[in-house]
């Protein structure tokens, strides 16, 4: 992934509220939790911190995230 592509993803996602695509089996446990994109790492994955009991950071491909309106 080029630096230009990474910067585009960062502008689009960093600091935004998201929810995961619940159709992905590995993401079902995070389906009801709102999260915030902390950064986009060098391989194009979003580091998302979820609210609630699971406050860990998770590497998730941006295509499996849905942007939410700000509260």
PDB file of N, CA and C in Angstrom:
ATOM      1  N   UNK A   1       0.850  -1.170   0.000  1.00  0.00           N
ATOM      2  CA  UNK A   1       0.000   0.000   0.000  1.00  0.00           C
ATOM      3  C   UNK A   1       0.897   1.235   0.000  1.00  0.00           C
ATOM      4  N   UNK A   2       0.580   2.175  -0.848  1.00  0.00           N
ATOM      5  CA  UNK A   2       1.423   3.362  -0.981  1.00  0.00           C
ATOM      6  C   UNK A   2       1.154   4.356   0.153  1.00  0.00           C
ATOM      7  N   UNK A   3       2.096   5.248   0.361  1.00  0.00           N
ATOM      8  CA  UNK A   3       1.955   6.278   1.390  1.00  0.00           C
ATOM      9  C   UNK A   3       0.749   7.167   1.098  1.00  0.00           C
ATOM     10  N   UNK A   4       0.475   7.398  -0.164  1.00  0.00           N
ATOM     11  CA  UNK A   4      -0.670   8.218  -0.565  1.00  0.00           C
ATOM     12  C   UNK A   4      -1.989   7.534  -0.173  1.00  0.00           C
ATOM     13  N   UNK A   5      -2.065   6.216  -0.387  1.00  0.00           N
ATOM     14  CA  UNK A   5      -3.259   5.456  -0.013  1.00  0.00           C
ATOM     15  C   UNK A   5      -3.459   5.448   1.504  1.00  0.00           C
ATOM     16  N   UNK A   6      -2.367   5.287   2.246  1.00  0.00           N
ATOM     17  CA  UNK A   6      -2.446   5.291   3.707  1.00  0.00           C
ATOM     18  C   UNK A   6      -2.939   6.641   4.218  1.00  0.00           C
ATOM     19  N   UNK A   7      -2.430   7.707   3.658  1.00  0.00           N
ATOM     20  CA  UNK A   7      -2.847   9.040   4.081  1.00  0.00           C
ATOM     21  C   UNK A   7      -4.322   9.277   3.787  1.00  0.00           C
ATOM     22  N   UNK A   8      -4.798   8.782   2.667  1.00  0.00           N
ATOM     23  CA  UNK A   8      -6.214   8.898   2.313  1.00  0.00           C
ATOM     24  C   UNK A   8      -7.092   8.164   3.329  1.00  0.00           C
ATOM     25  N   UNK A   9      -6.675   6.939   3.692  1.00  0.00           N
ATOM     26  CA  UNK A   9      -7.412   6.172   4.702  1.00  0.00           C
ATOM     27  C   UNK A   9      -7.394   6.877   6.048  1.00  0.00           C
ATOM     28  N   UNK A  10      -6.251   7.438   6.419  1.00  0.00           N
ATOM     29  CA  UNK A  10      -6.148   8.141   7.701  1.00  0.00           C
ATOM     30  C   UNK A  10      -7.097   9.329   7.750  1.00  0.00           C
ATOM     31  N   UNK A  11      -7.147  10.104   6.679  1.00  0.00           N
ATOM     32  CA  UNK A  11      -8.054  11.263   6.646  1.00  0.00           C
ATOM     33  C   UNK A  11      -9.511  10.833   6.745  1.00  0.00           C
ATOM     34  N   UNK A  12      -9.834   9.715   6.150  1.00  0.00           N
ATOM     35  CA  UNK A  12     -11.208   9.233   6.141  1.00  0.00           C
ATOM     36  C   UNK A  12     -11.639   8.641   7.485  1.00  0.00           C
ATOM     37  N   UNK A  13     -10.743   7.918   8.174  1.00  0.00           N
ATOM     38  CA  UNK A  13     -11.136   7.128   9.346  1.00  0.00           C
ATOM     39  C   UNK A  13     -10.633   7.599  10.706  1.00  0.00           C
ATOM     40  N   UNK A  14      -9.448   8.145  10.809  1.00  0.00           N
ATOM     41  CA  UNK A  14      -8.863   8.436  12.129  1.00  0.00           C
ATOM     42  C   UNK A  14      -9.740   9.418  12.905  1.00  0.00           C
ATOM     43  N   UNK A  15     -10.034   9.022  14.146  1.00  0.00           N
ATOM     44  CA  UNK A  15     -10.853   9.837  15.031  1.00  0.00           C
ATOM     45  C   UNK A  15     -12.343   9.666  14.844  1.00  0.00           C
ATOM     46  N   UNK A  16     -12.753   8.877  13.876  1.00  0.00           N
ATOM     47  CA  UNK A  16     -14.181   8.694  13.587  1.00  0.00           C
ATOM     48  C   UNK A  16     -14.743   7.508  14.364  1.00  0.00           C
ATOM     49  N   UNK A  17     -16.047   7.597  14.637  1.00  0.00           N
ATOM     50  CA  UNK A  17     -16.760   6.495  15.287  1.00  0.00           C
ATOM     51  C   UNK A  17     -17.163   5.485  14.220  1.00  0.00           C
ATOM     52  N   UNK A  18     -17.039   4.204  14.556  1.00  0.00           N
ATOM     53  CA  UNK A  18     -17.350   3.137  13.611  1.00  0.00           C
ATOM     54  C   UNK A  18     -18.077   1.989  14.306  1.00  0.00           C
ATOM     55  N   UNK A  19     -18.669   1.166  13.498  1.00  0.00           N
ATOM     56  CA  UNK A  19     -19.199  -0.146  13.909  1.00  0.00           C
ATOM     57  C   UNK A  19     -18.674  -1.152  12.908  1.00  0.00           C
ATOM     58  N   UNK A  20     -18.581  -2.402  13.341  1.00  0.00           N
ATOM     59  CA  UNK A  20     -18.062  -3.437  12.454  1.00  0.00           C
ATOM     60  C   UNK A  20     -19.178  -4.071  11.642  1.00  0.00           C
ATOM     61  N   UNK A  21     -18.800  -4.708  10.554  1.00  0.00           N
ATOM     62  CA  UNK A  21     -19.720  -5.465   9.711  1.00  0.00           C
ATOM     63  C   UNK A  21     -20.002  -6.786  10.424  1.00  0.00           C
ATOM     64  N   UNK A  22     -21.198  -6.921  10.972  1.00  0.00           N
ATOM     65  CA  UNK A  22     -21.550  -8.096  11.776  1.00  0.00           C
ATOM     66  C   UNK A  22     -21.683  -9.365  10.950  1.00  0.00           C
ATOM     67  N   UNK A  23     -21.634  -9.261   9.621  1.00  0.00           N
ATOM     68  CA  UNK A  23     -21.707 -10.463   8.787  1.00  0.00           C
ATOM     69  C   UNK A  23     -20.392 -11.227   8.793  1.00  0.00           C
ATOM     70  N   UNK A  24     -19.317 -10.605   9.243  1.00  0.00           N
ATOM     71  CA  UNK A  24     -18.010 -11.268   9.330  1.00  0.00           C
ATOM     72  C   UNK A  24     -17.983 -12.099  10.605  1.00  0.00           C
ATOM     73  N   UNK A  25     -17.813 -13.406  10.524  1.00  0.00           N
ATOM     74  CA  UNK A  25     -17.870 -14.263  11.708  1.00  0.00           C
ATOM     75  C   UNK A  25     -16.881 -13.865  12.805  1.00  0.00           C
ATOM     76  N   UNK A  26     -15.692 -13.413  12.421  1.00  0.00           N
ATOM     77  CA  UNK A  26     -14.694 -13.065  13.433  1.00  0.00           C
ATOM     78  C   UNK A  26     -14.988 -11.734  14.124  1.00  0.00           C
ATOM     79  N   UNK A  27     -15.961 -10.990  13.612  1.00  0.00           N
ATOM     80  CA  UNK A  27     -16.282  -9.683  14.188  1.00  0.00           C
ATOM     81  C   UNK A  27     -17.623  -9.656  14.924  1.00  0.00           C
ATOM     82  N   UNK A  28     -18.315 -10.770  14.961  1.00  0.00           N
ATOM     83  CA  UNK A  28     -19.645 -10.828  15.572  1.00  0.00           C
ATOM     84  C   UNK A  28     -19.610 -10.373  17.031  1.00  0.00           C
ATOM     85  N   UNK A  29     -18.585 -10.726  17.766  1.00  0.00           N
ATOM     86  CA  UNK A  29     -18.520 -10.365  19.192  1.00  0.00           C
ATOM     87  C   UNK A  29     -18.390  -8.865  19.415  1.00  0.00           C
ATOM     88  N   UNK A  30     -18.007  -8.124  18.379  1.00  0.00           N
ATOM     89  CA  UNK A  30     -17.858  -6.672  18.480  1.00  0.00           C
ATOM     90  C   UNK A  30     -19.008  -5.920  17.814  1.00  0.00           C
ATOM     91  N   UNK A  31     -20.006  -6.641  17.339  1.00  0.00           N
ATOM     92  CA  UNK A  31     -21.059  -6.055  16.501  1.00  0.00           C
ATOM     93  C   UNK A  31     -21.851  -4.954  17.194  1.00  0.00           C
ATOM     94  N   UNK A  32     -22.128  -5.060  18.465  1.00  0.00           N
ATOM     95  CA  UNK A  32     -22.975  -4.080  19.146  1.00  0.00           C
ATOM     96  C   UNK A  32     -22.180  -2.975  19.832  1.00  0.00           C
ATOM     97  N   UNK A  33     -20.873  -3.004  19.707  1.00  0.00           N
ATOM     98  CA  UNK A  33     -20.046  -2.021  20.392  1.00  0.00           C
ATOM     99  C   UNK A  33     -19.597  -0.908  19.448  1.00  0.00           C
ATOM    100  N   UNK A  34     -19.845   0.343  19.832  1.00  0.00           N
ATOM    101  CA  UNK A  34     -19.283   1.427  19.030  1.00  0.00           C
ATOM    102  C   UNK A  34     -17.788   1.517  19.296  1.00  0.00           C
ATOM    103  N   UNK A  35     -17.054   1.915  18.295  1.00  0.00           N
ATOM    104  CA  UNK A  35     -15.614   2.053  18.446  1.00  0.00           C
ATOM    105  C   UNK A  35     -15.116   3.336  17.818  1.00  0.00           C
ATOM    106  N   UNK A  36     -13.848   3.648  18.061  1.00  0.00           N
ATOM    107  CA  UNK A  36     -13.212   4.827  17.501  1.00  0.00           C
ATOM    108  C   UNK A  36     -11.914   4.401  16.852  1.00  0.00           C
ATOM    109  N   UNK A  37     -11.670   4.846  15.633  1.00  0.00           N
ATOM    110  CA  UNK A  37     -10.438   4.516  14.935  1.00  0.00           C
ATOM    111  C   UNK A  37      -9.319   5.375  15.514  1.00  0.00           C
ATOM    112  N   UNK A  38      -8.304   4.711  16.065  1.00  0.00           N
ATOM    113  CA  UNK A  38      -7.176   5.397  16.671  1.00  0.00           C
ATOM    114  C   UNK A  38      -6.169   5.797  15.596  1.00  0.00           C
ATOM    115  N   UNK A  39      -5.875   4.880  14.684  1.00  0.00           N
ATOM    116  CA  UNK A  39      -4.954   5.159  13.586  1.00  0.00           C
ATOM    117  C   UNK A  39      -5.118   4.107  12.505  1.00  0.00           C
ATOM    118  N   UNK A  40      -4.463   4.331  11.400  1.00  0.00           N
ATOM    119  CA  UNK A  40      -4.346   3.339  10.336  1.00  0.00           C
ATOM    120  C   UNK A  40      -2.881   2.928  10.327  1.00  0.00           C
ATOM    121  N   UNK A  41      -2.598   1.653  10.496  1.00  0.00           N
ATOM    122  CA  UNK A  41      -1.198   1.222  10.557  1.00  0.00           C
ATOM    123  C   UNK A  41      -0.606   1.079   9.153  1.00  0.00           C
ATOM    124  N   UNK A  42       0.659   0.736   9.091  1.00  0.00           N
ATOM    125  CA  UNK A  42       1.399   0.697   7.835  1.00  0.00           C
ATOM    126  C   UNK A  42       0.889  -0.290   6.807  1.00  0.00           C
ATOM    127  N   UNK A  43       0.140  -1.310   7.238  1.00  0.00           N
ATOM    128  CA  UNK A  43      -0.388  -2.256   6.257  1.00  0.00           C
ATOM    129  C   UNK A  43      -1.855  -1.988   5.919  1.00  0.00           C
ATOM    130  N   UNK A  44      -2.342  -0.800   6.306  1.00  0.00           N
ATOM    131  CA  UNK A  44      -3.688  -0.391   5.916  1.00  0.00           C
ATOM    132  C   UNK A  44      -4.812  -0.869   6.810  1.00  0.00           C
ATOM    133  N   UNK A  45      -4.483  -1.463   7.951  1.00  0.00           N
ATOM    134  CA  UNK A  45      -5.501  -1.915   8.886  1.00  0.00           C
ATOM    135  C   UNK A  45      -5.845  -0.782   9.854  1.00  0.00           C
ATOM    136  N   UNK A  46      -7.117  -0.678  10.217  1.00  0.00           N
ATOM    137  CA  UNK A  46      -7.547   0.318  11.193  1.00  0.00           C
ATOM    138  C   UNK A  46      -7.353  -0.252  12.592  1.00  0.00           C
ATOM    139  N   UNK A  47      -6.747   0.538  13.473  1.00  0.00           N
ATOM    140  CA  UNK A  47      -6.669   0.175  14.880  1.00  0.00           C
ATOM    141  C   UNK A  47      -7.879   0.811  15.549  1.00  0.00           C
ATOM    142  N   UNK A  48      -8.793  -0.028  16.020  1.00  0.00           N
ATOM    143  CA  UNK A  48     -10.059   0.442  16.568  1.00  0.00           C
ATOM    144  C   UNK A  48     -10.110   0.121  18.051  1.00  0.00           C
ATOM    145  N   UNK A  49     -10.476   1.128  18.860  1.00  0.00           N
ATOM    146  CA  UNK A  49     -10.700   0.917  20.287  1.00  0.00           C
ATOM    147  C   UNK A  49     -12.206   0.954  20.510  1.00  0.00           C
ATOM    148  N   UNK A  50     -12.738  -0.134  21.059  1.00  0.00           N
ATOM    149  CA  UNK A  50     -14.180  -0.252  21.279  1.00  0.00           C
ATOM    150  C   UNK A  50     -14.543   0.179  22.682  1.00  0.00           C
ATOM    151  N   UNK A  51     -15.776   0.666  22.844  1.00  0.00           N
ATOM    152  CA  UNK A  51     -16.298   1.054  24.144  1.00  0.00           C
ATOM    153  C   UNK A  51     -16.867  -0.174  24.844  1.00  0.00           C
ATOM    154  N   UNK A  52     -17.062  -0.075  26.133  1.00  0.00           N
ATOM    155  CA  UNK A  52     -17.651  -1.174  26.884  1.00  0.00           C
ATOM    156  C   UNK A  52     -16.594  -2.054  27.507  1.00  0.00           C
ATOM    157  N   UNK A  53     -16.952  -3.312  27.731  1.00  0.00           N
ATOM    158  CA  UNK A  53     -16.071  -4.247  28.420  1.00  0.00           C
ATOM    159  C   UNK A  53     -14.785  -4.530  27.646  1.00  0.00           C
ATOM    160  N   UNK A  54     -14.872  -4.554  26.329  1.00  0.00           N
ATOM    161  CA  UNK A  54     -13.706  -4.857  25.500  1.00  0.00           C
ATOM    162  C   UNK A  54     -13.096  -3.542  25.017  1.00  0.00           C
ATOM    163  N   UNK A  55     -12.141  -3.003  25.774  1.00  0.00           N
ATOM    164  CA  UNK A  55     -11.541  -1.725  25.414  1.00  0.00           C
ATOM    165  C   UNK A  55     -10.185  -1.897  24.743  1.00  0.00           C
ATOM    166  N   UNK A  56      -9.882  -3.113  24.327  1.00  0.00           N
ATOM    167  CA  UNK A  56      -8.625  -3.354  23.636  1.00  0.00           C
ATOM    168  C   UNK A  56      -8.639  -2.764  22.238  1.00  0.00           C
ATOM    169  N   UNK A  57      -7.470  -2.665  21.641  1.00  0.00           N
ATOM    170  CA  UNK A  57      -7.355  -2.171  20.266  1.00  0.00           C
ATOM    171  C   UNK A  57      -7.358  -3.375  19.334  1.00  0.00           C
ATOM    172  N   UNK A  58      -8.092  -3.282  18.247  1.00  0.00           N
ATOM    173  CA  UNK A  58      -8.213  -4.380  17.303  1.00  0.00           C
ATOM    174  C   UNK A  58      -7.826  -3.912  15.907  1.00  0.00           C
ATOM    175  N   UNK A  59      -7.039  -4.729  15.207  1.00  0.00           N
ATOM    176  CA  UNK A  59      -6.693  -4.488  13.805  1.00  0.00           C
ATOM    177  C   UNK A  59      -7.858  -4.973  12.949  1.00  0.00           C
ATOM    178  N   UNK A  60      -8.488  -4.067  12.217  1.00  0.00           N
ATOM    179  CA  UNK A  60      -9.626  -4.436  11.381  1.00  0.00           C
ATOM    180  C   UNK A  60      -9.461  -3.760  10.026  1.00  0.00           C
ATOM    181  N   UNK A  61      -9.693  -4.514   8.976  1.00  0.00           N
ATOM    182  CA  UNK A  61      -9.620  -3.956   7.631  1.00  0.00           C
ATOM    183  C   UNK A  61     -10.733  -2.917   7.465  1.00  0.00           C
ATOM    184  N   UNK A  62     -10.417  -1.751   6.917  1.00  0.00           N
ATOM    185  CA  UNK A  62     -11.422  -0.690   6.775  1.00  0.00           C
ATOM    186  C   UNK A  62     -12.674  -1.106   6.000  1.00  0.00           C
ATOM    187  N   UNK A  63     -12.552  -2.054   5.087  1.00  0.00           N
ATOM    188  CA  UNK A  63     -13.747  -2.461   4.346  1.00  0.00           C
ATOM    189  C   UNK A  63     -14.788  -3.162   5.215  1.00  0.00           C
ATOM    190  N   UNK A  64     -14.406  -3.536   6.450  1.00  0.00           N
ATOM    191  CA  UNK A  64     -15.350  -4.168   7.375  1.00  0.00           C
ATOM    192  C   UNK A  64     -15.843  -3.202   8.438  1.00  0.00           C
ATOM    193  N   UNK A  65     -15.636  -1.904   8.218  1.00  0.00           N
ATOM    194  CA  UNK A  65     -16.090  -0.880   9.151  1.00  0.00           C
ATOM    195  C   UNK A  65     -17.148  -0.005   8.498  1.00  0.00           C
ATOM    196  N   UNK A  66     -18.087   0.443   9.322  1.00  0.00           N
ATOM    197  CA  UNK A  66     -19.120   1.373   8.874  1.00  0.00           C
ATOM    198  C   UNK A  66     -18.969   2.643   9.707  1.00  0.00           C
ATOM    199  N   UNK A  67     -18.810   3.770   9.042  1.00  0.00           N
ATOM    200  CA  UNK A  67     -18.711   5.041   9.752  1.00  0.00           C
ATOM    201  C   UNK A  67     -20.049   5.386  10.379  1.00  0.00           C
ATOM    202  N   UNK A  68     -19.995   5.911  11.614  1.00  0.00           N
ATOM    203  CA  UNK A  68     -21.185   6.317  12.336  1.00  0.00           C
ATOM    204  C   UNK A  68     -21.211   7.836  12.462  1.00  0.00           C
ATOM    205  N   UNK A  69     -22.372   8.438  12.571  1.00  0.00           N
ATOM    206  CA  UNK A  69     -22.395   9.878  12.816  1.00  0.00           C
ATOM    207  C   UNK A  69     -21.838  10.188  14.198  1.00  0.00           C
ATOM    208  N   UNK A  70     -21.216  11.333  14.353  1.00  0.00           N
ATOM    209  CA  UNK A  70     -20.675  11.745  15.651  1.00  0.00           C
ATOM    210  C   UNK A  70     -21.834  12.003  16.608  1.00  0.00           C
ATOM    211  N   UNK A  71     -21.620  11.691  17.909  1.00  0.00           N
ATOM    212  CA  UNK A  71     -22.718  11.896  18.876  1.00  0.00           C
ATOM    213  C   UNK A  71     -22.977  13.360  19.156  1.00  0.00           C
TER     214      UNK A  71
END
